Amino acid sequence: GRGDPRGNGDTVDSGADVRPGGRQRAFMNWEAYSESHLALYRN
């Protein structure tokens, strides 16, 4: 949440993940994604 000490504290998405640039445990993006990318996985 806002003020997360692992980030800069200004926004709720302030780089607070396992490591910079990683997003190993990011919140799942159900709405925004590449349809063609997902299609290959499904196929």
All heavy atoms as atom14 arrays in JSON, in Angstrom:
{
  "sequence": "GRGDPRGNGDTVDSGADVRPGGRQRAFMNWEAYSESHLALYRN",
  "atom14_mask": [
    [1, 1, 1, 1, 0, 0, 0, 0, 0, 0, 0, 0, 0, 0],
    [1, 1, 1, 1, 1, 1, 1, 1, 1, 1, 1, 0, 0, 0],
    [1, 1, 1, 1, 0, 0, 0, 0, 0, 0, 0, 0, 0, 0],
    [1, 1, 1, 1, 1, 1, 1, 1, 0, 0, 0, 0, 0, 0],
    [1, 1, 1, 1, 1, 1, 1, 0, 0, 0, 0, 0, 0, 0],
    [1, 1, 1, 1, 1, 1, 1, 1, 1, 1, 1, 0, 0, 0],
    [1, 1, 1, 1, 0, 0, 0, 0, 0, 0, 0, 0, 0, 0],
    [1, 1, 1, 1, 1, 1, 1, 1, 0, 0, 0, 0, 0, 0],
    [1, 1, 1, 1, 0, 0, 0, 0, 0, 0, 0, 0, 0, 0],
    [1, 1, 1, 1, 1, 1, 1, 1, 0, 0, 0, 0, 0, 0],
    [1, 1, 1, 1, 1, 1, 1, 0, 0, 0, 0, 0, 0, 0],
    [1, 1, 1, 1, 1, 1, 1, 0, 0, 0, 0, 0, 0, 0],
    [1, 1, 1, 1, 1, 1, 1, 1, 0, 0, 0, 0, 0, 0],
    [1, 1, 1, 1, 1, 1, 0, 0, 0, 0, 0, 0, 0, 0],
    [1, 1, 1, 1, 0, 0, 0, 0, 0, 0, 0, 0, 0, 0],
    [1, 1, 1, 1, 1, 0, 0, 0, 0, 0, 0, 0, 0, 0],
    [1, 1, 1, 1, 1, 1, 1, 1, 0, 0, 0, 0, 0, 0],
    [1, 1, 1, 1, 1, 1, 1, 0, 0, 0, 0, 0, 0, 0],
    [1, 1, 1, 1, 1, 1, 1, 1, 1, 1, 1, 0, 0, 0],
    [1, 1, 1, 1, 1, 1, 1, 0, 0, 0, 0, 0, 0, 0],
    [1, 1, 1, 1, 0, 0, 0, 0, 0, 0, 0, 0, 0, 0],
    [1, 1, 1, 1, 0, 0, 0, 0, 0, 0, 0, 0, 0, 0],
    [1, 1, 1, 1, 1, 1, 1, 1, 1, 1, 1, 0, 0, 0],
    [1, 1, 1, 1, 1, 1, 1, 1, 1, 0, 0, 0, 0, 0],
    [1, 1, 1, 1, 1, 1, 1, 1, 1, 1, 1, 0, 0, 0],
    [1, 1, 1, 1, 1, 0, 0, 0, 0, 0, 0, 0, 0, 0],
    [1, 1, 1, 1, 1, 1, 1, 1, 1, 1, 1, 0, 0, 0],
    [1, 1, 1, 1, 1, 1, 1, 1, 0, 0, 0, 0, 0, 0],
    [1, 1, 1, 1, 1, 1, 1, 1, 0, 0, 0, 0, 0, 0],
    [1, 1, 1, 1, 1, 1, 1, 1, 1, 1, 1, 1, 1, 1],
    [1, 1, 1, 1, 1, 1, 1, 1, 1, 0, 0, 0, 0, 0],
    [1, 1, 1, 1, 1, 0, 0, 0, 0, 0, 0, 0, 0, 0],
    [1, 1, 1, 1, 1, 1, 1, 1, 1, 1, 1, 1, 0, 0],
    [1, 1, 1, 1, 1, 1, 0, 0, 0, 0, 0, 0, 0, 0],
    [1, 1, 1, 1, 1, 1, 1, 1, 1, 0, 0, 0, 0, 0],
    [1, 1, 1, 1, 1, 1, 0, 0, 0, 0, 0, 0, 0, 0],
    [1, 1, 1, 1, 1, 1, 1, 1, 1, 1, 0, 0, 0, 0],
    [1, 1, 1, 1, 1, 1, 1, 1, 0, 0, 0, 0, 0, 0],
    [1, 1, 1, 1, 1, 0, 0, 0, 0, 0, 0, 0, 0, 0],
    [1, 1, 1, 1, 1, 1, 1, 1, 0, 0, 0, 0, 0, 0],
    [1, 1, 1, 1, 1, 1, 1, 1, 1, 1, 1, 1, 0, 0],
    [1, 1, 1, 1, 1, 1, 1, 1, 1, 1, 1, 0, 0, 0],
    [1, 1, 1, 1, 1, 1, 1, 1, 0, 0, 0, 0, 0, 0]
  ],
  "atom14_positions": [
    [[0.82, -1.2, 0.0], [0.0, 0.0, 0.0], [0.86, 1.25, 0.0], [2.09, 1.21, 0.0], [0.0, 0.0, 0.0], [0.0, 0.0, 0.0], [0.0, 0.0, 0.0], [0.0, 0.0, 0.0], [0.0, 0.0, 0.0], [0.0, 0.0, 0.0], [0.0, 0.0, 0.0], [0.0, 0.0, 0.0], [0.0, 0.0, 0.0], [0.0, 0.0, 0.0]],
    [[0.19, 2.39, 0.01], [0.9, 3.66, -0.01], [1.83, 3.79, 1.19], [1.48, 3.49, 2.31], [-0.11, 4.8, -0.03], [0.43, 6.12, -0.55], [-0.68, 7.13, -0.68], [-1.68, 6.71, -1.67], [-1.54, 6.92, -2.98], [-0.45, 7.51, -3.44], [-2.48, 6.53, -3.8], [0.0, 0.0, 0.0], [0.0, 0.0, 0.0], [0.0, 0.0, 0.0]],
    [[3.08, 4.19, 0.91], [4.05, 4.31, 1.99], [4.82, 3.02, 2.26], [5.51, 2.92, 3.28], [0.0, 0.0, 0.0], [0.0, 0.0, 0.0], [0.0, 0.0, 0.0], [0.0, 0.0, 0.0], [0.0, 0.0, 0.0], [0.0, 0.0, 0.0], [0.0, 0.0, 0.0], [0.0, 0.0, 0.0], [0.0, 0.0, 0.0], [0.0, 0.0, 0.0]],
    [[4.72, 2.05, 1.39], [5.47, 0.8, 1.55], [6.96, 1.12, 1.72], [7.56, 1.76, 0.85], [5.25, -0.07, 0.3], [5.81, -1.49, 0.47], [6.78, -1.65, 1.24], [5.29, -2.41, -0.17], [0.0, 0.0, 0.0], [0.0, 0.0, 0.0], [0.0, 0.0, 0.0], [0.0, 0.0, 0.0], [0.0, 0.0, 0.0], [0.0, 0.0, 0.0]],
    [[7.56, 0.73, 2.83], [8.97, 1.1, 3.08], [9.95, 0.5, 2.08], [11.09, 0.94, 1.99], [9.22, 0.56, 4.5], [8.21, -0.53, 4.68], [7.0, -0.07, 3.93], [0.0, 0.0, 0.0], [0.0, 0.0, 0.0], [0.0, 0.0, 0.0], [0.0, 0.0, 0.0], [0.0, 0.0, 0.0], [0.0, 0.0, 0.0], [0.0, 0.0, 0.0]],
    [[9.54, -0.51, 1.31], [10.44, -1.12, 0.35], [10.54, -0.3, -0.93], [11.4, -0.56, -1.77], [9.97, -2.54, 0.01], [9.99, -3.47, 1.2], [9.34, -4.79, 0.86], [7.93, -4.6, 0.53], [7.14, -5.57, 0.05], [7.64, -6.77, -0.15], [5.88, -5.33, -0.21], [0.0, 0.0, 0.0], [0.0, 0.0, 0.0], [0.0, 0.0, 0.0]],
    [[9.65, 0.7, -1.09], [9.7, 1.56, -2.26], [10.0, 2.98, -1.84], [10.48, 3.25, -0.74], [0.0, 0.0, 0.0], [0.0, 0.0, 0.0], [0.0, 0.0, 0.0], [0.0, 0.0, 0.0], [0.0, 0.0, 0.0], [0.0, 0.0, 0.0], [0.0, 0.0, 0.0], [0.0, 0.0, 0.0], [0.0, 0.0, 0.0], [0.0, 0.0, 0.0]],
    [[9.7, 3.95, -2.73], [9.99, 5.33, -2.37], [8.85, 5.97, -1.58], [8.95, 7.11, -1.15], [10.29, 6.16, -3.63], [9.14, 6.14, -4.64], [7.98, 5.98, -4.26], [9.46, 6.28, -5.91], [0.0, 0.0, 0.0], [0.0, 0.0, 0.0], [0.0, 0.0, 0.0], [0.0, 0.0, 0.0], [0.0, 0.0, 0.0], [0.0, 0.0, 0.0]],
    [[7.76, 5.22, -1.42], [6.69, 5.69, -0.56], [5.72, 6.64, -1.2], [4.72, 7.02, -0.58], [0.0, 0.0, 0.0], [0.0, 0.0, 0.0], [0.0, 0.0, 0.0], [0.0, 0.0, 0.0], [0.0, 0.0, 0.0], [0.0, 0.0, 0.0], [0.0, 0.0, 0.0], [0.0, 0.0, 0.0], [0.0, 0.0, 0.0], [0.0, 0.0, 0.0]],
    [[5.96, 7.08, -2.44], [5.1, 8.09, -3.05], [3.85, 7.47, -3.67], [2.8, 8.11, -3.72], [5.87, 8.85, -4.13], [7.01, 9.67, -3.53], [6.89, 10.03, -2.33], [7.99, 9.92, -4.24], [0.0, 0.0, 0.0], [0.0, 0.0, 0.0], [0.0, 0.0, 0.0], [0.0, 0.0, 0.0], [0.0, 0.0, 0.0], [0.0, 0.0, 0.0]],
    [[3.95, 6.25, -4.18], [2.81, 5.61, -4.82], [2.7, 4.19, -4.31], [3.62, 3.65, -3.69], [2.98, 5.57, -6.36], [4.1, 4.74, -6.67], [3.2, 6.97, -6.92], [0.0, 0.0, 0.0], [0.0, 0.0, 0.0], [0.0, 0.0, 0.0], [0.0, 0.0, 0.0], [0.0, 0.0, 0.0], [0.0, 0.0, 0.0], [0.0, 0.0, 0.0]],
    [[1.56, 3.56, -4.59], [1.39, 2.19, -4.15], [2.23, 1.23, -4.99], [2.54, 0.13, -4.56], [-0.09, 1.76, -4.21], [-0.9, 2.51, -3.19], [-0.67, 1.92, -5.59], [0.0, 0.0, 0.0], [0.0, 0.0, 0.0], [0.0, 0.0, 0.0], [0.0, 0.0, 0.0], [0.0, 0.0, 0.0], [0.0, 0.0, 0.0], [0.0, 0.0, 0.0]],
    [[2.58, 1.64, -6.2], [3.41, 0.79, -7.06], [4.78, 1.44, -7.19], [5.14, 2.0, -8.2], [2.76, 0.63, -8.44], [3.53, -0.38, -9.3], [4.34, -1.12, -8.73], [3.3, -0.41, -10.51], [0.0, 0.0, 0.0], [0.0, 0.0, 0.0], [0.0, 0.0, 0.0], [0.0, 0.0, 0.0], [0.0, 0.0, 0.0], [0.0, 0.0, 0.0]],
    [[5.55, 1.39, -6.11], [6.82, 2.1, -6.07], [8.02, 1.17, -6.11], [9.01, 1.37, -5.44], [6.87, 2.97, -4.81], [6.62, 2.18, -3.66], [0.0, 0.0, 0.0], [0.0, 0.0, 0.0], [0.0, 0.0, 0.0], [0.0, 0.0, 0.0], [0.0, 0.0, 0.0], [0.0, 0.0, 0.0], [0.0, 0.0, 0.0], [0.0, 0.0, 0.0]],
    [[7.89, 0.11, -6.9], [9.02, -0.8, -7.04], [9.13, -1.81, -5.93], [10.15, -2.46, -5.77], [0.0, 0.0, 0.0], [0.0, 0.0, 0.0], [0.0, 0.0, 0.0], [0.0, 0.0, 0.0], [0.0, 0.0, 0.0], [0.0, 0.0, 0.0], [0.0, 0.0, 0.0], [0.0, 0.0, 0.0], [0.0, 0.0, 0.0], [0.0, 0.0, 0.0]],
    [[8.07, -1.95, -5.12], [8.14, -2.85, -3.97], [7.83, -4.27, -4.4], [6.72, -4.77, -4.26], [7.15, -2.39, -2.9], [0.0, 0.0, 0.0], [0.0, 0.0, 0.0], [0.0, 0.0, 0.0], [0.0, 0.0, 0.0], [0.0, 0.0, 0.0], [0.0, 0.0, 0.0], [0.0, 0.0, 0.0], [0.0, 0.0, 0.0], [0.0, 0.0, 0.0]],
    [[8.81, -4.93, -4.97], [8.66, -6.34, -5.33], [9.87, -7.06, -4.77], [10.61, -6.5, -3.95], [8.54, -6.51, -6.85], [7.66, -7.7, -7.23], [7.87, -8.77, -6.64], [6.78, -7.55, -8.08], [0.0, 0.0, 0.0], [0.0, 0.0, 0.0], [0.0, 0.0, 0.0], [0.0, 0.0, 0.0], [0.0, 0.0, 0.0], [0.0, 0.0, 0.0]],
    [[10.11, -8.28, -5.17], [11.19, -9.06, -4.58], [12.53, -8.4, -4.82], [13.37, -8.32, -3.95], [11.17, -10.49, -5.15], [12.32, -11.3, -4.59], [9.85, -11.16, -4.81], [0.0, 0.0, 0.0], [0.0, 0.0, 0.0], [0.0, 0.0, 0.0], [0.0, 0.0, 0.0], [0.0, 0.0, 0.0], [0.0, 0.0, 0.0], [0.0, 0.0, 0.0]],
    [[12.74, -7.91, -6.02], [13.98, -7.18, -6.33], [13.69, -6.21, -7.46], [12.71, -6.39, -8.19], [15.11, -8.13, -6.7], [14.87, -8.99, -7.92], [16.13, -9.76, -8.3], [16.46, -10.8, -7.35], [16.02, -12.05, -7.44], [15.23, -12.4, -8.45], [16.35, -12.95, -6.56], [0.0, 0.0, 0.0], [0.0, 0.0, 0.0], [0.0, 0.0, 0.0]],
    [[14.51, -5.17, -7.62], [14.23, -4.19, -8.67], [14.12, -4.82, -10.05], [14.95, -5.63, -10.44], [15.45, -3.25, -8.59], [15.93, -3.37, -7.19], [15.68, -4.81, -6.81], [0.0, 0.0, 0.0], [0.0, 0.0, 0.0], [0.0, 0.0, 0.0], [0.0, 0.0, 0.0], [0.0, 0.0, 0.0], [0.0, 0.0, 0.0], [0.0, 0.0, 0.0]],
    [[13.06, -4.46, -10.75], [12.88, -4.95, -12.1], [12.39, -6.37, -12.2], [12.24, -6.9, -13.3], [0.0, 0.0, 0.0], [0.0, 0.0, 0.0], [0.0, 0.0, 0.0], [0.0, 0.0, 0.0], [0.0, 0.0, 0.0], [0.0, 0.0, 0.0], [0.0, 0.0, 0.0], [0.0, 0.0, 0.0], [0.0, 0.0, 0.0], [0.0, 0.0, 0.0]],
    [[12.11, -7.02, -11.08], [11.82, -8.43, -11.12], [10.36, -8.79, -11.35], [10.02, -9.51, -12.23], [0.0, 0.0, 0.0], [0.0, 0.0, 0.0], [0.0, 0.0, 0.0], [0.0, 0.0, 0.0], [0.0, 0.0, 0.0], [0.0, 0.0, 0.0], [0.0, 0.0, 0.0], [0.0, 0.0, 0.0], [0.0, 0.0, 0.0], [0.0, 0.0, 0.0]],
    [[9.49, -8.25, -10.47], [8.07, -8.58, -10.48], [7.83, -10.08, -10.41], [6.92, -10.62, -11.03], [7.38, -7.97, -11.71], [7.46, -6.46, -11.72], [6.35, -5.8, -12.49], [6.39, -4.36, -12.28], [5.53, -3.51, -12.81], [4.58, -3.94, -13.6], [5.62, -2.23, -12.56], [0.0, 0.0, 0.0], [0.0, 0.0, 0.0], [0.0, 0.0, 0.0]],
    [[8.67, -10.75, -9.62], [8.49, -12.19, -9.47], [7.14, -12.53, -8.84], [6.56, -13.57, -9.12], [9.61, -12.78, -8.59], [10.95, -12.89, -9.29], [11.75, -11.61, -9.17], [11.21, -10.55, -8.86], [13.04, -11.7, -9.42], [0.0, 0.0, 0.0], [0.0, 0.0, 0.0], [0.0, 0.0, 0.0], [0.0, 0.0, 0.0], [0.0, 0.0, 0.0]],
    [[6.65, -11.65, -7.96], [5.39, -11.93, -7.25], [4.39, -10.81, -7.46], [3.62, -10.47, -6.56], [5.68, -12.13, -5.77], [6.7, -13.23, -5.52], [7.06, -13.35, -4.05], [8.15, -14.31, -3.86], [8.69, -14.57, -2.67], [8.28, -13.94, -1.6], [9.67, -15.45, -2.58], [0.0, 0.0, 0.0], [0.0, 0.0, 0.0], [0.0, 0.0, 0.0]],
    [[4.39, -10.22, -8.65], [3.52, -9.09, -8.94], [2.05, -9.51, -8.89], [1.71, -10.69, -8.98], [3.85, -8.51, -10.31], [0.0, 0.0, 0.0], [0.0, 0.0, 0.0], [0.0, 0.0, 0.0], [0.0, 0.0, 0.0], [0.0, 0.0, 0.0], [0.0, 0.0, 0.0], [0.0, 0.0, 0.0], [0.0, 0.0, 0.0], [0.0, 0.0, 0.0]],
    [[1.18, -8.49, -8.76], [-0.25, -8.73, -8.83], [-0.62, -9.12, -10.27], [-0.17, -8.49, -11.22], [-1.03, -7.49, -8.41], [-0.8, -7.1, -6.97], [-0.62, -5.78, -6.61], [-0.8, -8.06, -5.96], [-0.42, -5.41, -5.29], [-0.61, -7.71, -4.64], [-0.42, -6.39, -4.3], [0.0, 0.0, 0.0], [0.0, 0.0, 0.0], [0.0, 0.0, 0.0]],
    [[-1.46, -10.13, -10.4], [-1.79, -10.68, -11.71], [-2.54, -9.66, -12.57], [-3.46, -8.98, -12.1], [-2.65, -11.93, -11.55], [-2.91, -12.67, -12.82], [-1.41, -13.41, -13.49], [-2.12, -14.5, -14.72], [0.0, 0.0, 0.0], [0.0, 0.0, 0.0], [0.0, 0.0, 0.0], [0.0, 0.0, 0.0], [0.0, 0.0, 0.0], [0.0, 0.0, 0.0]],
    [[-2.13, -9.55, -13.81], [-2.79, -8.62, -14.75], [-3.85, -9.38, -15.55], [-3.6, -9.93, -16.6], [-1.74, -8.0, -15.7], [-0.86, -9.03, -16.37], [-0.14, -9.78, -15.71], [-0.9, -9.08, -17.69], [0.0, 0.0, 0.0], [0.0, 0.0, 0.0], [0.0, 0.0, 0.0], [0.0, 0.0, 0.0], [0.0, 0.0, 0.0], [0.0, 0.0, 0.0]],
    [[-5.06, -9.38, -15.02], [-6.16, -10.09, -15.67], [-6.72, -9.31, -16.85], [-7.22, -9.91, -17.81], [-7.28, -10.37, -14.67], [-6.88, -11.28, -13.56], [-6.74, -10.96, -12.24], [-6.56, -12.67, -13.65], [-6.36, -12.06, -11.51], [-6.24, -13.12, -12.35], [-6.51, -13.58, -14.72], [-5.89, -14.44, -12.08], [-6.16, -14.89, -14.45], [-5.85, -15.31, -13.15]],
    [[-6.65, -7.99, -16.79], [-7.32, -7.18, -17.82], [-6.39, -6.8, -18.96], [-6.75, -6.89, -20.14], [-7.89, -5.9, -17.17], [-8.86, -6.17, -16.02], [-10.09, -6.94, -16.47], [-10.49, -6.78, -17.64], [-10.65, -7.71, -15.66], [0.0, 0.0, 0.0], [0.0, 0.0, 0.0], [0.0, 0.0, 0.0], [0.0, 0.0, 0.0], [0.0, 0.0, 0.0]],
    [[-5.19, -6.33, -18.64], [-4.25, -5.86, -19.68], [-3.24, -6.95, -19.99], [-2.5, -7.39, -19.12], [-3.54, -4.59, -19.2], [0.0, 0.0, 0.0], [0.0, 0.0, 0.0], [0.0, 0.0, 0.0], [0.0, 0.0, 0.0], [0.0, 0.0, 0.0], [0.0, 0.0, 0.0], [0.0, 0.0, 0.0], [0.0, 0.0, 0.0], [0.0, 0.0, 0.0]],
    [[-3.21, -7.38, -21.24], [-2.25, -8.4, -21.66], [-2.25, -8.47, -23.18], [-3.11, -7.88, -23.85], [-2.63, -9.77, -21.07], [-4.0, -10.27, -21.46], [-4.2, -11.05, -22.6], [-5.11, -9.94, -20.68], [-5.45, -11.5, -22.96], [-6.38, -10.38, -21.03], [-6.54, -11.16, -22.17], [-7.78, -11.59, -22.53], [0.0, 0.0, 0.0], [0.0, 0.0, 0.0]],
    [[-1.28, -9.19, -23.72], [-1.19, -9.4, -25.16], [-1.97, -10.66, -25.53], [-1.66, -11.75, -25.07], [0.27, -9.54, -25.6], [0.36, -10.08, -26.9], [0.0, 0.0, 0.0], [0.0, 0.0, 0.0], [0.0, 0.0, 0.0], [0.0, 0.0, 0.0], [0.0, 0.0, 0.0], [0.0, 0.0, 0.0], [0.0, 0.0, 0.0], [0.0, 0.0, 0.0]],
    [[-3.0, -10.5, -26.36], [-3.82, -11.64, -26.75], [-3.03, -12.66, -27.56], [-3.21, -13.87, -27.38], [-5.04, -11.16, -27.53], [-6.04, -10.37, -26.69], [-7.3, -10.04, -27.46], [-7.43, -10.5, -28.62], [-8.15, -9.32, -26.92], [0.0, 0.0, 0.0], [0.0, 0.0, 0.0], [0.0, 0.0, 0.0], [0.0, 0.0, 0.0], [0.0, 0.0, 0.0]],
    [[-2.16, -12.2, -28.46], [-1.4, -13.13, -29.29], [-0.38, -13.91, -28.45], [-0.12, -15.09, -28.71], [-0.69, -12.38, -30.41], [0.21, -11.4, -29.91], [0.0, 0.0, 0.0], [0.0, 0.0, 0.0], [0.0, 0.0, 0.0], [0.0, 0.0, 0.0], [0.0, 0.0, 0.0], [0.0, 0.0, 0.0], [0.0, 0.0, 0.0], [0.0, 0.0, 0.0]],
    [[0.18, -13.26, -27.44], [1.12, -13.92, -26.53], [0.42, -15.05, -25.79], [0.88, -16.19, -25.76], [1.68, -12.88, -25.56], [2.73, -13.41, -24.62], [4.07, -13.45, -24.94], [2.63, -13.92, -23.36], [4.76, -13.95, -23.93], [3.91, -14.24, -22.96], [0.0, 0.0, 0.0], [0.0, 0.0, 0.0], [0.0, 0.0, 0.0], [0.0, 0.0, 0.0]],
    [[-0.73, -14.74, -25.2], [-1.5, -15.73, -24.46], [-1.99, -16.85, -25.38], [-2.03, -18.02, -24.99], [-2.68, -15.06, -23.76], [-3.61, -15.97, -22.95], [-2.86, -16.68, -21.84], [-4.77, -15.16, -22.38], [0.0, 0.0, 0.0], [0.0, 0.0, 0.0], [0.0, 0.0, 0.0], [0.0, 0.0, 0.0], [0.0, 0.0, 0.0], [0.0, 0.0, 0.0]],
    [[-2.32, -16.5, -26.62], [-2.85, -17.49, -27.56], [-1.83, -18.59, -27.84], [-2.2, -19.77, -27.95], [-3.27, -16.81, -28.86], [0.0, 0.0, 0.0], [0.0, 0.0, 0.0], [0.0, 0.0, 0.0], [0.0, 0.0, 0.0], [0.0, 0.0, 0.0], [0.0, 0.0, 0.0], [0.0, 0.0, 0.0], [0.0, 0.0, 0.0], [0.0, 0.0, 0.0]],
    [[-0.55, -18.22, -27.95], [0.46, -19.25, -28.22], [0.55, -20.23, -27.05], [0.65, -21.44, -27.24], [1.83, -18.63, -28.49], [2.92, -19.67, -28.78], [2.69, -20.31, -30.15], [4.3, -19.09, -28.7], [0.0, 0.0, 0.0], [0.0, 0.0, 0.0], [0.0, 0.0, 0.0], [0.0, 0.0, 0.0], [0.0, 0.0, 0.0], [0.0, 0.0, 0.0]],
    [[0.5, -19.7, -25.83], [0.51, -20.58, -24.67], [-0.66, -21.56, -24.72], [-0.5, -22.77, -24.52], [0.45, -19.75, -23.38], [1.79, -19.27, -22.89], [2.42, -18.17, -23.48], [2.43, -19.9, -21.83], [3.65, -17.73, -23.02], [3.65, -19.47, -21.37], [4.26, -18.38, -21.97], [5.48, -17.95, -21.53], [0.0, 0.0, 0.0], [0.0, 0.0, 0.0]],
    [[-1.85, -21.02, -25.0], [-3.04, -21.88, -25.02], [-2.95, -22.92, -26.13], [-3.29, -24.09, -25.94], [-4.28, -21.01, -25.2], [-4.67, -20.27, -23.93], [-5.86, -19.38, -24.15], [-6.45, -18.96, -22.88], [-7.25, -17.91, -22.75], [-7.55, -17.18, -23.81], [-7.74, -17.58, -21.57], [0.0, 0.0, 0.0], [0.0, 0.0, 0.0], [0.0, 0.0, 0.0]],
    [[-2.5, -22.5, -27.31], [-2.42, -23.42, -28.45], [-1.43, -24.55, -28.19], [-1.69, -25.71, -28.53], [-2.04, -22.66, -29.72], [-3.14, -21.73, -30.2], [-4.3, -21.89, -29.82], [-2.79, -20.76, -31.03], [0.0, 0.0, 0.0], [0.0, 0.0, 0.0], [0.0, 0.0, 0.0], [0.0, 0.0, 0.0], [0.0, 0.0, 0.0], [0.0, 0.0, 0.0]]
  ]
}
